[in-house]
Amino acid sequence: MLPSLLLGLLAGLLLGNGLPHFVTGITGRSYPNVFGDGPVPNVLGGWVQLVAASGIVYALTRLDGAPSPLVPLACGAAGVLAAALFHARGLAAGARRAAPGD
């Protein structure tokens, strides 16, 4: 059960972090990422994280003796929330706060 919880949390963190990078990249904006700061590296980095999250979720559905799907989904939701709050608070590396009127 604990591995399912941790994997659900990891999937949520990857999803919550990958989606903003992917969206930033497809809108043509730059944002710091492990692959670089430009739009293309953000699309690639976000895509990798979204694929990894999908793979983890798929693996969780295939585990023998897996707990109710609600347990890893709840942990995944907590991971998405944690990543969203991380980005919303401007804690991501290189993030800059928007000035009033931006």
PDB file of N, CA and C in Angstrom:
ATOM      1  N   MET A   1       0.815  -1.191   0.000  1.00  0.00           N
ATOM      2  CA  MET A   1       0.000   0.000   0.000  1.00  0.00           C
ATOM      3  C   MET A   1       0.863   1.261   0.000  1.00  0.00           C
ATOM      4  N   LEU A   2       1.942   1.276   0.797  1.00  0.00           N
ATOM      5  CA  LEU A   2       2.807   2.448   0.854  1.00  0.00           C
ATOM      6  C   LEU A   2       3.424   2.764  -0.511  1.00  0.00           C
ATOM      7  N   PRO A   3       3.906   1.767  -1.270  1.00  0.00           N
ATOM      8  CA  PRO A   3       4.420   2.096  -2.606  1.00  0.00           C
ATOM      9  C   PRO A   3       3.367   2.744  -3.504  1.00  0.00           C
ATOM     10  N   SER A   4       2.119   2.304  -3.401  1.00  0.00           N
ATOM     11  CA  SER A   4       1.054   2.914  -4.201  1.00  0.00           C
ATOM     12  C   SER A   4       0.835   4.370  -3.801  1.00  0.00           C
ATOM     13  N   LEU A   5       0.908   4.637  -2.507  1.00  0.00           N
ATOM     14  CA  LEU A   5       0.752   6.016  -2.039  1.00  0.00           C
ATOM     15  C   LEU A   5       1.878   6.901  -2.550  1.00  0.00           C
ATOM     16  N   LEU A   6       3.105   6.403  -2.425  1.00  0.00           N
ATOM     17  CA  LEU A   6       4.259   7.192  -2.864  1.00  0.00           C
ATOM     18  C   LEU A   6       4.272   7.382  -4.377  1.00  0.00           C
ATOM     19  N   LEU A   7       3.927   6.331  -5.113  1.00  0.00           N
ATOM     20  CA  LEU A   7       3.878   6.460  -6.568  1.00  0.00           C
ATOM     21  C   LEU A   7       2.757   7.400  -7.003  1.00  0.00           C
ATOM     22  N   GLY A   8       1.627   7.367  -6.306  1.00  0.00           N
ATOM     23  CA  GLY A   8       0.547   8.301  -6.603  1.00  0.00           C
ATOM     24  C   GLY A   8       0.976   9.743  -6.355  1.00  0.00           C
ATOM     25  N   LEU A   9       1.684   9.968  -5.270  1.00  0.00           N
ATOM     26  CA  LEU A   9       2.189  11.299  -4.959  1.00  0.00           C
ATOM     27  C   LEU A   9       3.196  11.749  -6.017  1.00  0.00           C
ATOM     28  N   LEU A  10       4.095  10.852  -6.408  1.00  0.00           N
ATOM     29  CA  LEU A  10       5.079  11.177  -7.445  1.00  0.00           C
ATOM     30  C   LEU A  10       4.393  11.511  -8.768  1.00  0.00           C
ATOM     31  N   ALA A  11       3.392  10.734  -9.137  1.00  0.00           N
ATOM     32  CA  ALA A  11       2.659  11.014 -10.378  1.00  0.00           C
ATOM     33  C   ALA A  11       1.999  12.386 -10.313  1.00  0.00           C
ATOM     34  N   GLY A  12       1.428  12.729  -9.176  1.00  0.00           N
ATOM     35  CA  GLY A  12       0.811  14.036  -9.012  1.00  0.00           C
ATOM     36  C   GLY A  12       1.822  15.168  -9.100  1.00  0.00           C
ATOM     37  N   LEU A  13       2.991  14.983  -8.481  1.00  0.00           N
ATOM     38  CA  LEU A  13       4.033  16.001  -8.561  1.00  0.00           C
ATOM     39  C   LEU A  13       4.506  16.193  -9.998  1.00  0.00           C
ATOM     40  N   LEU A  14       4.694  15.083 -10.711  1.00  0.00           N
ATOM     41  CA  LEU A  14       5.121  15.178 -12.112  1.00  0.00           C
ATOM     42  C   LEU A  14       4.056  15.861 -12.962  1.00  0.00           C
ATOM     43  N   LEU A  15       2.814  15.506 -12.753  1.00  0.00           N
ATOM     44  CA  LEU A  15       1.720  16.122 -13.508  1.00  0.00           C
ATOM     45  C   LEU A  15       1.612  17.613 -13.185  1.00  0.00           C
ATOM     46  N   GLY A  16       1.646  17.940 -11.903  1.00  0.00           N
ATOM     47  CA  GLY A  16       1.519  19.334 -11.480  1.00  0.00           C
ATOM     48  C   GLY A  16       2.677  20.208 -11.912  1.00  0.00           C
ATOM     49  N   ASN A  17       3.862  19.633 -12.073  1.00  0.00           N
ATOM     50  CA  ASN A  17       5.016  20.399 -12.526  1.00  0.00           C
ATOM     51  C   ASN A  17       5.131  20.376 -14.048  1.00  0.00           C
ATOM     52  N   GLY A  18       4.759  19.270 -14.667  1.00  0.00           N
ATOM     53  CA  GLY A  18       4.903  19.151 -16.117  1.00  0.00           C
ATOM     54  C   GLY A  18       3.916  20.001 -16.891  1.00  0.00           C
ATOM     55  N   LEU A  19       2.708  20.111 -16.397  1.00  0.00           N
ATOM     56  CA  LEU A  19       1.677  20.858 -17.115  1.00  0.00           C
ATOM     57  C   LEU A  19       2.028  22.339 -17.270  1.00  0.00           C
ATOM     58  N   PRO A  20       2.465  23.052 -16.216  1.00  0.00           N
ATOM     59  CA  PRO A  20       2.833  24.460 -16.414  1.00  0.00           C
ATOM     60  C   PRO A  20       3.992  24.641 -17.401  1.00  0.00           C
ATOM     61  N   HIS A  21       4.979  23.748 -17.341  1.00  0.00           N
ATOM     62  CA  HIS A  21       6.096  23.856 -18.276  1.00  0.00           C
ATOM     63  C   HIS A  21       5.633  23.614 -19.705  1.00  0.00           C
ATOM     64  N   PHE A  22       4.791  22.620 -19.898  1.00  0.00           N
ATOM     65  CA  PHE A  22       4.280  22.319 -21.233  1.00  0.00           C
ATOM     66  C   PHE A  22       3.471  23.499 -21.776  1.00  0.00           C
ATOM     67  N   VAL A  23       2.577  24.043 -20.962  1.00  0.00           N
ATOM     68  CA  VAL A  23       1.740  25.165 -21.400  1.00  0.00           C
ATOM     69  C   VAL A  23       2.598  26.397 -21.675  1.00  0.00           C
ATOM     70  N   THR A  24       3.574  26.663 -20.811  1.00  0.00           N
ATOM     71  CA  THR A  24       4.470  27.796 -21.036  1.00  0.00           C
ATOM     72  C   THR A  24       5.203  27.638 -22.357  1.00  0.00           C
ATOM     73  N   GLY A  25       5.651  26.433 -22.634  1.00  0.00           N
ATOM     74  CA  GLY A  25       6.365  26.187 -23.882  1.00  0.00           C
ATOM     75  C   GLY A  25       5.494  26.342 -25.117  1.00  0.00           C
ATOM     76  N   ILE A  26       4.273  25.803 -25.084  1.00  0.00           N
ATOM     77  CA  ILE A  26       3.435  25.884 -26.284  1.00  0.00           C
ATOM     78  C   ILE A  26       2.890  27.287 -26.509  1.00  0.00           C
ATOM     79  N   THR A  27       2.946  28.142 -25.484  1.00  0.00           N
ATOM     80  CA  THR A  27       2.530  29.526 -25.682  1.00  0.00           C
ATOM     81  C   THR A  27       3.713  30.403 -26.094  1.00  0.00           C
ATOM     82  N   GLY A  28       4.888  29.794 -26.254  1.00  0.00           N
ATOM     83  CA  GLY A  28       6.052  30.509 -26.769  1.00  0.00           C
ATOM     84  C   GLY A  28       6.807  31.341 -25.757  1.00  0.00           C
ATOM     85  N   ARG A  29       6.569  31.105 -24.479  1.00  0.00           N
ATOM     86  CA  ARG A  29       7.261  31.878 -23.450  1.00  0.00           C
ATOM     87  C   ARG A  29       8.436  31.092 -22.892  1.00  0.00           C
ATOM     88  N   SER A  30       9.397  31.809 -22.347  1.00  0.00           N
ATOM     89  CA  SER A  30      10.565  31.185 -21.727  1.00  0.00           C
ATOM     90  C   SER A  30      10.338  31.062 -20.228  1.00  0.00           C
ATOM     91  N   TYR A  31      10.856  29.985 -19.660  1.00  0.00           N
ATOM     92  CA  TYR A  31      10.778  29.749 -18.225  1.00  0.00           C
ATOM     93  C   TYR A  31      11.877  28.759 -17.885  1.00  0.00           C
ATOM     94  N   PRO A  32      12.578  28.931 -16.769  1.00  0.00           N
ATOM     95  CA  PRO A  32      13.667  28.022 -16.417  1.00  0.00           C
ATOM     96  C   PRO A  32      13.202  26.569 -16.309  1.00  0.00           C
ATOM     97  N   ASN A  33      14.008  25.691 -16.839  1.00  0.00           N
ATOM     98  CA  ASN A  33      13.688  24.271 -16.886  1.00  0.00           C
ATOM     99  C   ASN A  33      15.014  23.516 -16.887  1.00  0.00           C
ATOM    100  N   VAL A  34      15.014  22.252 -16.530  1.00  0.00           N
ATOM    101  CA  VAL A  34      16.262  21.480 -16.524  1.00  0.00           C
ATOM    102  C   VAL A  34      16.849  21.335 -17.925  1.00  0.00           C
ATOM    103  N   PHE A  35      16.021  21.446 -18.962  1.00  0.00           N
ATOM    104  CA  PHE A  35      16.499  21.312 -20.334  1.00  0.00           C
ATOM    105  C   PHE A  35      16.889  22.654 -20.948  1.00  0.00           C
ATOM    106  N   GLY A  36      16.634  23.767 -20.284  1.00  0.00           N
ATOM    107  CA  GLY A  36      16.938  25.102 -20.798  1.00  0.00           C
ATOM    108  C   GLY A  36      15.793  26.054 -20.506  1.00  0.00           C
ATOM    109  N   ASP A  37      15.946  27.304 -20.951  1.00  0.00           N
ATOM    110  CA  ASP A  37      14.965  28.331 -20.619  1.00  0.00           C
ATOM    111  C   ASP A  37      13.949  28.620 -21.717  1.00  0.00           C
ATOM    112  N   GLY A  38      14.169  28.158 -22.917  1.00  0.00           N
ATOM    113  CA  GLY A  38      13.313  28.525 -24.041  1.00  0.00           C
ATOM    114  C   GLY A  38      12.017  27.733 -24.111  1.00  0.00           C
ATOM    115  N   PRO A  39      11.177  28.100 -25.080  1.00  0.00           N
ATOM    116  CA  PRO A  39       9.898  27.404 -25.248  1.00  0.00           C
ATOM    117  C   PRO A  39      10.055  25.920 -25.596  1.00  0.00           C
ATOM    118  N   VAL A  40      10.976  25.586 -26.500  1.00  0.00           N
ATOM    119  CA  VAL A  40      11.133  24.179 -26.903  1.00  0.00           C
ATOM    120  C   VAL A  40      11.593  23.311 -25.735  1.00  0.00           C
ATOM    121  N   PRO A  41      12.604  23.737 -24.968  1.00  0.00           N
ATOM    122  CA  PRO A  41      12.971  22.922 -23.801  1.00  0.00           C
ATOM    123  C   PRO A  41      11.825  22.758 -22.801  1.00  0.00           C
ATOM    124  N   ASN A  42      10.983  23.783 -22.661  1.00  0.00           N
ATOM    125  CA  ASN A  42       9.852  23.666 -21.749  1.00  0.00           C
ATOM    126  C   ASN A  42       8.821  22.680 -22.266  1.00  0.00           C
ATOM    127  N   VAL A  43       8.563  22.692 -23.569  1.00  0.00           N
ATOM    128  CA  VAL A  43       7.636  21.702 -24.136  1.00  0.00           C
ATOM    129  C   VAL A  43       8.180  20.304 -23.901  1.00  0.00           C
ATOM    130  N   LEU A  44       9.461  20.102 -24.198  1.00  0.00           N
ATOM    131  CA  LEU A  44      10.063  18.771 -24.027  1.00  0.00           C
ATOM    132  C   LEU A  44      10.075  18.341 -22.560  1.00  0.00           C
ATOM    133  N   GLY A  45      10.476  19.233 -21.665  1.00  0.00           N
ATOM    134  CA  GLY A  45      10.505  18.901 -20.239  1.00  0.00           C
ATOM    135  C   GLY A  45       9.118  18.611 -19.689  1.00  0.00           C
ATOM    136  N   GLY A  46       8.154  19.423 -20.067  1.00  0.00           N
ATOM    137  CA  GLY A  46       6.779  19.194 -19.627  1.00  0.00           C
ATOM    138  C   GLY A  46       6.228  17.899 -20.175  1.00  0.00           C
ATOM    139  N   TRP A  47       6.524  17.636 -21.447  1.00  0.00           N
ATOM    140  CA  TRP A  47       6.041  16.401 -22.087  1.00  0.00           C
ATOM    141  C   TRP A  47       6.623  15.170 -21.400  1.00  0.00           C
ATOM    142  N   VAL A  48       7.914  15.202 -21.099  1.00  0.00           N
ATOM    143  CA  VAL A  48       8.558  14.070 -20.415  1.00  0.00           C
ATOM    144  C   VAL A  48       7.876  13.814 -19.073  1.00  0.00           C
ATOM    145  N   GLN A  49       7.594  14.875 -18.335  1.00  0.00           N
ATOM    146  CA  GLN A  49       6.951  14.710 -17.032  1.00  0.00           C
ATOM    147  C   GLN A  49       5.520  14.190 -17.166  1.00  0.00           C
ATOM    148  N   LEU A  50       4.788  14.664 -18.169  1.00  0.00           N
ATOM    149  CA  LEU A  50       3.418  14.182 -18.378  1.00  0.00           C
ATOM    150  C   LEU A  50       3.404  12.712 -18.779  1.00  0.00           C
ATOM    151  N   VAL A  51       4.344  12.309 -19.620  1.00  0.00           N
ATOM    152  CA  VAL A  51       4.430  10.901 -20.019  1.00  0.00           C
ATOM    153  C   VAL A  51       4.806  10.030 -18.823  1.00  0.00           C
ATOM    154  N   ALA A  52       5.754  10.499 -18.014  1.00  0.00           N
ATOM    155  CA  ALA A  52       6.158   9.734 -16.823  1.00  0.00           C
ATOM    156  C   ALA A  52       4.991   9.597 -15.845  1.00  0.00           C
ATOM    157  N   ALA A  53       4.241  10.668 -15.637  1.00  0.00           N
ATOM    158  CA  ALA A  53       3.076  10.603 -14.742  1.00  0.00           C
ATOM    159  C   ALA A  53       2.050   9.619 -15.280  1.00  0.00           C
ATOM    160  N   SER A  54       1.815   9.651 -16.582  1.00  0.00           N
ATOM    161  CA  SER A  54       0.868   8.711 -17.194  1.00  0.00           C
ATOM    162  C   SER A  54       1.332   7.271 -17.024  1.00  0.00           C
ATOM    163  N   GLY A  55       2.617   7.029 -17.187  1.00  0.00           N
ATOM    164  CA  GLY A  55       3.166   5.683 -17.012  1.00  0.00           C
ATOM    165  C   GLY A  55       3.002   5.178 -15.596  1.00  0.00           C
ATOM    166  N   ILE A  56       3.222   6.051 -14.634  1.00  0.00           N
ATOM    167  CA  ILE A  56       3.053   5.666 -13.234  1.00  0.00           C
ATOM    168  C   ILE A  56       1.593   5.346 -12.945  1.00  0.00           C
ATOM    169  N   VAL A  57       0.690   6.187 -13.425  1.00  0.00           N
ATOM    170  CA  VAL A  57      -0.738   5.937 -13.203  1.00  0.00           C
ATOM    171  C   VAL A  57      -1.146   4.617 -13.852  1.00  0.00           C
ATOM    172  N   TYR A  58      -0.656   4.357 -15.062  1.00  0.00           N
ATOM    173  CA  TYR A  58      -0.967   3.094 -15.732  1.00  0.00           C
ATOM    174  C   TYR A  58      -0.426   1.916 -14.915  1.00  0.00           C
ATOM    175  N   ALA A  59       0.799   2.030 -14.427  1.00  0.00           N
ATOM    176  CA  ALA A  59       1.387   0.952 -13.627  1.00  0.00           C
ATOM    177  C   ALA A  59       0.585   0.711 -12.352  1.00  0.00           C
ATOM    178  N   LEU A  60       0.097   1.773 -11.737  1.00  0.00           N
ATOM    179  CA  LEU A  60      -0.703   1.622 -10.517  1.00  0.00           C
ATOM    180  C   LEU A  60      -2.000   0.873 -10.783  1.00  0.00           C
ATOM    181  N   THR A  61      -2.559   1.051 -11.965  1.00  0.00           N
ATOM    182  CA  THR A  61      -3.803   0.342 -12.284  1.00  0.00           C
ATOM    183  C   THR A  61      -3.558  -1.133 -12.571  1.00  0.00           C
ATOM    184  N   ARG A  62      -2.316  -1.507 -12.876  1.00  0.00           N
ATOM    185  CA  ARG A  62      -1.992  -2.880 -13.240  1.00  0.00           C
ATOM    186  C   ARG A  62      -1.422  -3.701 -12.087  1.00  0.00           C
ATOM    187  N   LEU A  63      -1.151  -3.075 -10.951  1.00  0.00           N
ATOM    188  CA  LEU A  63      -0.568  -3.796  -9.819  1.00  0.00           C
ATOM    189  C   LEU A  63      -1.548  -4.816  -9.268  1.00  0.00           C
ATOM    190  N   ASP A  64      -1.060  -6.008  -9.000  1.00  0.00           N
ATOM    191  CA  ASP A  64      -1.884  -7.005  -8.321  1.00  0.00           C
ATOM    192  C   ASP A  64      -2.046  -6.605  -6.866  1.00  0.00           C
ATOM    193  N   GLY A  65      -3.257  -6.700  -6.382  1.00  0.00           N
ATOM    194  CA  GLY A  65      -3.518  -6.354  -4.990  1.00  0.00           C
ATOM    195  C   GLY A  65      -3.444  -4.866  -4.716  1.00  0.00           C
ATOM    196  N   ALA A  66      -3.607  -4.063  -5.756  1.00  0.00           N
ATOM    197  CA  ALA A  66      -3.569  -2.610  -5.568  1.00  0.00           C
ATOM    198  C   ALA A  66      -4.754  -2.183  -4.707  1.00  0.00           C
ATOM    199  N   PRO A  67      -4.556  -1.148  -3.911  1.00  0.00           N
ATOM    200  CA  PRO A  67      -5.672  -0.659  -3.106  1.00  0.00           C
ATOM    201  C   PRO A  67      -6.726  -0.029  -4.013  1.00  0.00           C
ATOM    202  N   SER A  68      -7.772   0.434  -3.416  1.00  0.00           N
ATOM    203  CA  SER A  68      -8.809   1.134  -4.166  1.00  0.00           C
ATOM    204  C   SER A  68      -8.158   2.230  -5.009  1.00  0.00           C
ATOM    205  N   PRO A  69      -8.638   2.444  -6.228  1.00  0.00           N
ATOM    206  CA  PRO A  69      -8.037   3.491  -7.062  1.00  0.00           C
ATOM    207  C   PRO A  69      -8.124   4.880  -6.425  1.00  0.00           C
ATOM    208  N   LEU A  70      -9.017   5.053  -5.479  1.00  0.00           N
ATOM    209  CA  LEU A  70      -9.146   6.361  -4.842  1.00  0.00           C
ATOM    210  C   LEU A  70      -7.926   6.725  -4.003  1.00  0.00           C
ATOM    211  N   VAL A  71      -7.238   5.728  -3.464  1.00  0.00           N
ATOM    212  CA  VAL A  71      -6.087   6.008  -2.604  1.00  0.00           C
ATOM    213  C   VAL A  71      -4.957   6.639  -3.409  1.00  0.00           C
ATOM    214  N   PRO A  72      -4.456   5.997  -4.498  1.00  0.00           N
ATOM    215  CA  PRO A  72      -3.403   6.659  -5.259  1.00  0.00           C
ATOM    216  C   PRO A  72      -3.886   7.943  -5.939  1.00  0.00           C
ATOM    217  N   LEU A  73      -5.167   8.001  -6.312  1.00  0.00           N
ATOM    218  CA  LEU A  73      -5.686   9.228  -6.912  1.00  0.00           C
ATOM    219  C   LEU A  73      -5.678  10.379  -5.911  1.00  0.00           C
ATOM    220  N   ALA A  74      -6.030  10.099  -4.666  1.00  0.00           N
ATOM    221  CA  ALA A  74      -5.994  11.137  -3.633  1.00  0.00           C
ATOM    222  C   ALA A  74      -4.558  11.610  -3.408  1.00  0.00           C
ATOM    223  N   CYS A  75      -3.616  10.673  -3.398  1.00  0.00           N
ATOM    224  CA  CYS A  75      -2.208  11.055  -3.252  1.00  0.00           C
ATOM    225  C   CYS A  75      -1.744  11.846  -4.474  1.00  0.00           C
ATOM    226  N   GLY A  76      -2.209  11.453  -5.652  1.00  0.00           N
ATOM    227  CA  GLY A  76      -1.875  12.193  -6.866  1.00  0.00           C
ATOM    228  C   GLY A  76      -2.423  13.608  -6.817  1.00  0.00           C
ATOM    229  N   ALA A  77      -3.639  13.758  -6.322  1.00  0.00           N
ATOM    230  CA  ALA A  77      -4.235  15.086  -6.183  1.00  0.00           C
ATOM    231  C   ALA A  77      -3.420  15.940  -5.211  1.00  0.00           C
ATOM    232  N   ALA A  78      -2.930  15.325  -4.142  1.00  0.00           N
ATOM    233  CA  ALA A  78      -2.084  16.057  -3.191  1.00  0.00           C
ATOM    234  C   ALA A  78      -0.779  16.481  -3.856  1.00  0.00           C
ATOM    235  N   GLY A  79      -0.233  15.628  -4.710  1.00  0.00           N
ATOM    236  CA  GLY A  79       0.988  15.979  -5.434  1.00  0.00           C
ATOM    237  C   GLY A  79       0.772  17.124  -6.407  1.00  0.00           C
ATOM    238  N   VAL A  80      -0.356  17.113  -7.116  1.00  0.00           N
ATOM    239  CA  VAL A  80      -0.685  18.208  -8.033  1.00  0.00           C
ATOM    240  C   VAL A  80      -0.825  19.508  -7.247  1.00  0.00           C
ATOM    241  N   LEU A  81      -1.512  19.458  -6.115  1.00  0.00           N
ATOM    242  CA  LEU A  81      -1.681  20.647  -5.289  1.00  0.00           C
ATOM    243  C   LEU A  81      -0.331  21.169  -4.797  1.00  0.00           C
ATOM    244  N   ALA A  82       0.545  20.273  -4.357  1.00  0.00           N
ATOM    245  CA  ALA A  82       1.858  20.696  -3.869  1.00  0.00           C
ATOM    246  C   ALA A  82       2.659  21.375  -4.980  1.00  0.00           C
ATOM    247  N   ALA A  83       2.662  20.794  -6.181  1.00  0.00           N
ATOM    248  CA  ALA A  83       3.391  21.403  -7.297  1.00  0.00           C
ATOM    249  C   ALA A  83       2.768  22.742  -7.690  1.00  0.00           C
ATOM    250  N   ALA A  84       1.448  22.830  -7.667  1.00  0.00           N
ATOM    251  CA  ALA A  84       0.768  24.080  -8.029  1.00  0.00           C
ATOM    252  C   ALA A  84       1.098  25.180  -7.023  1.00  0.00           C
ATOM    253  N   LEU A  85       1.082  24.850  -5.742  1.00  0.00           N
ATOM    254  CA  LEU A  85       1.420  25.844  -4.716  1.00  0.00           C
ATOM    255  C   LEU A  85       2.881  26.269  -4.828  1.00  0.00           C
ATOM    256  N   PHE A  86       3.747  25.333  -5.176  1.00  0.00           N
ATOM    257  CA  PHE A  86       5.166  25.628  -5.372  1.00  0.00           C
ATOM    258  C   PHE A  86       5.330  26.674  -6.472  1.00  0.00           C
ATOM    259  N   HIS A  87       4.622  26.478  -7.586  1.00  0.00           N
ATOM    260  CA  HIS A  87       4.705  27.429  -8.694  1.00  0.00           C
ATOM    261  C   HIS A  87       3.992  28.738  -8.352  1.00  0.00           C
ATOM    262  N   ALA A  88       2.851  28.657  -7.697  1.00  0.00           N
ATOM    263  CA  ALA A  88       2.076  29.853  -7.383  1.00  0.00           C
ATOM    264  C   ALA A  88       2.814  30.773  -6.407  1.00  0.00           C
ATOM    265  N   ARG A  89       3.585  30.193  -5.522  1.00  0.00           N
ATOM    266  CA  ARG A  89       4.331  30.996  -4.543  1.00  0.00           C
ATOM    267  C   ARG A  89       5.618  31.565  -5.127  1.00  0.00           C
ATOM    268  N   GLY A  90       5.934  31.204  -6.391  1.00  0.00           N
ATOM    269  CA  GLY A  90       7.143  31.724  -7.022  1.00  0.00           C
ATOM    270  C   GLY A  90       8.410  31.090  -6.492  1.00  0.00           C
ATOM    271  N   LEU A  91       8.310  29.859  -6.011  1.00  0.00           N
ATOM    272  CA  LEU A  91       9.471  29.181  -5.435  1.00  0.00           C
ATOM    273  C   LEU A  91      10.303  28.433  -6.475  1.00  0.00           C
ATOM    274  N   ALA A  92       9.799  28.318  -7.697  1.00  0.00           N
ATOM    275  CA  ALA A  92      10.540  27.610  -8.740  1.00  0.00           C
ATOM    276  C   ALA A  92      11.794  28.395  -9.078  1.00  0.00           C
ATOM    277  N   ALA A  93      12.861  27.686  -9.413  1.00  0.00           N
ATOM    278  CA  ALA A  93      14.138  28.322  -9.717  1.00  0.00           C
ATOM    279  C   ALA A  93      13.975  29.301 -10.871  1.00  0.00           C
ATOM    280  N   GLY A  94      14.432  30.525 -10.675  1.00  0.00           N
ATOM    281  CA  GLY A  94      14.384  31.526 -11.727  1.00  0.00           C
ATOM    282  C   GLY A  94      13.038  32.187 -11.917  1.00  0.00           C
ATOM    283  N   ALA A  95      12.057  31.834 -11.111  1.00  0.00           N
ATOM    284  CA  ALA A  95      10.729  32.440 -11.256  1.00  0.00           C
ATOM    285  C   ALA A  95      10.804  33.888 -10.800  1.00  0.00           C
ATOM    286  N   ARG A  96      10.088  34.721 -11.496  1.00  0.00           N
ATOM    287  CA  ARG A  96      10.042  36.123 -11.082  1.00  0.00           C
ATOM    288  C   ARG A  96       8.600  36.498 -10.815  1.00  0.00           C
ATOM    289  N   ARG A  97       8.415  37.293  -9.835  1.00  0.00           N
ATOM    290  CA  ARG A  97       7.074  37.768  -9.515  1.00  0.00           C
ATOM    291  C   ARG A  97       6.670  38.821 -10.539  1.00  0.00           C
ATOM    292  N   ALA A  98       5.431  38.746 -10.986  1.00  0.00           N
ATOM    293  CA  ALA A  98       4.913  39.743 -11.913  1.00  0.00           C
ATOM    294  C   ALA A  98       4.677  41.047 -11.160  1.00  0.00           C
ATOM    295  N   ALA A  99       5.104  42.126 -11.767  1.00  0.00           N
ATOM    296  CA  ALA A  99       4.880  43.428 -11.167  1.00  0.00           C
ATOM    297  C   ALA A  99       3.420  43.813 -11.337  1.00  0.00           C
ATOM    298  N   PRO A 100       2.866  44.613 -10.447  1.00  0.00           N
ATOM    299  CA  PRO A 100       1.486  45.048 -10.607  1.00  0.00           C
ATOM    300  C   PRO A 100       1.295  45.709 -11.974  1.00  0.00           C
ATOM    301  N   GLY A 101       0.267  45.317 -12.662  1.00  0.00           N
ATOM    302  CA  GLY A 101      -0.008  45.854 -13.984  1.00  0.00           C
ATOM    303  C   GLY A 101       0.624  45.054 -15.115  1.00  0.00           C
ATOM    304  N   ASP A 102       1.385  44.001 -14.775  1.00  0.00           N
ATOM    305  CA  ASP A 102       2.003  43.136 -15.799  1.00  0.00           C
ATOM    306  C   ASP A 102       0.981  42.299 -16.495  1.00  0.00           C
TER     307      ASP A 102
END
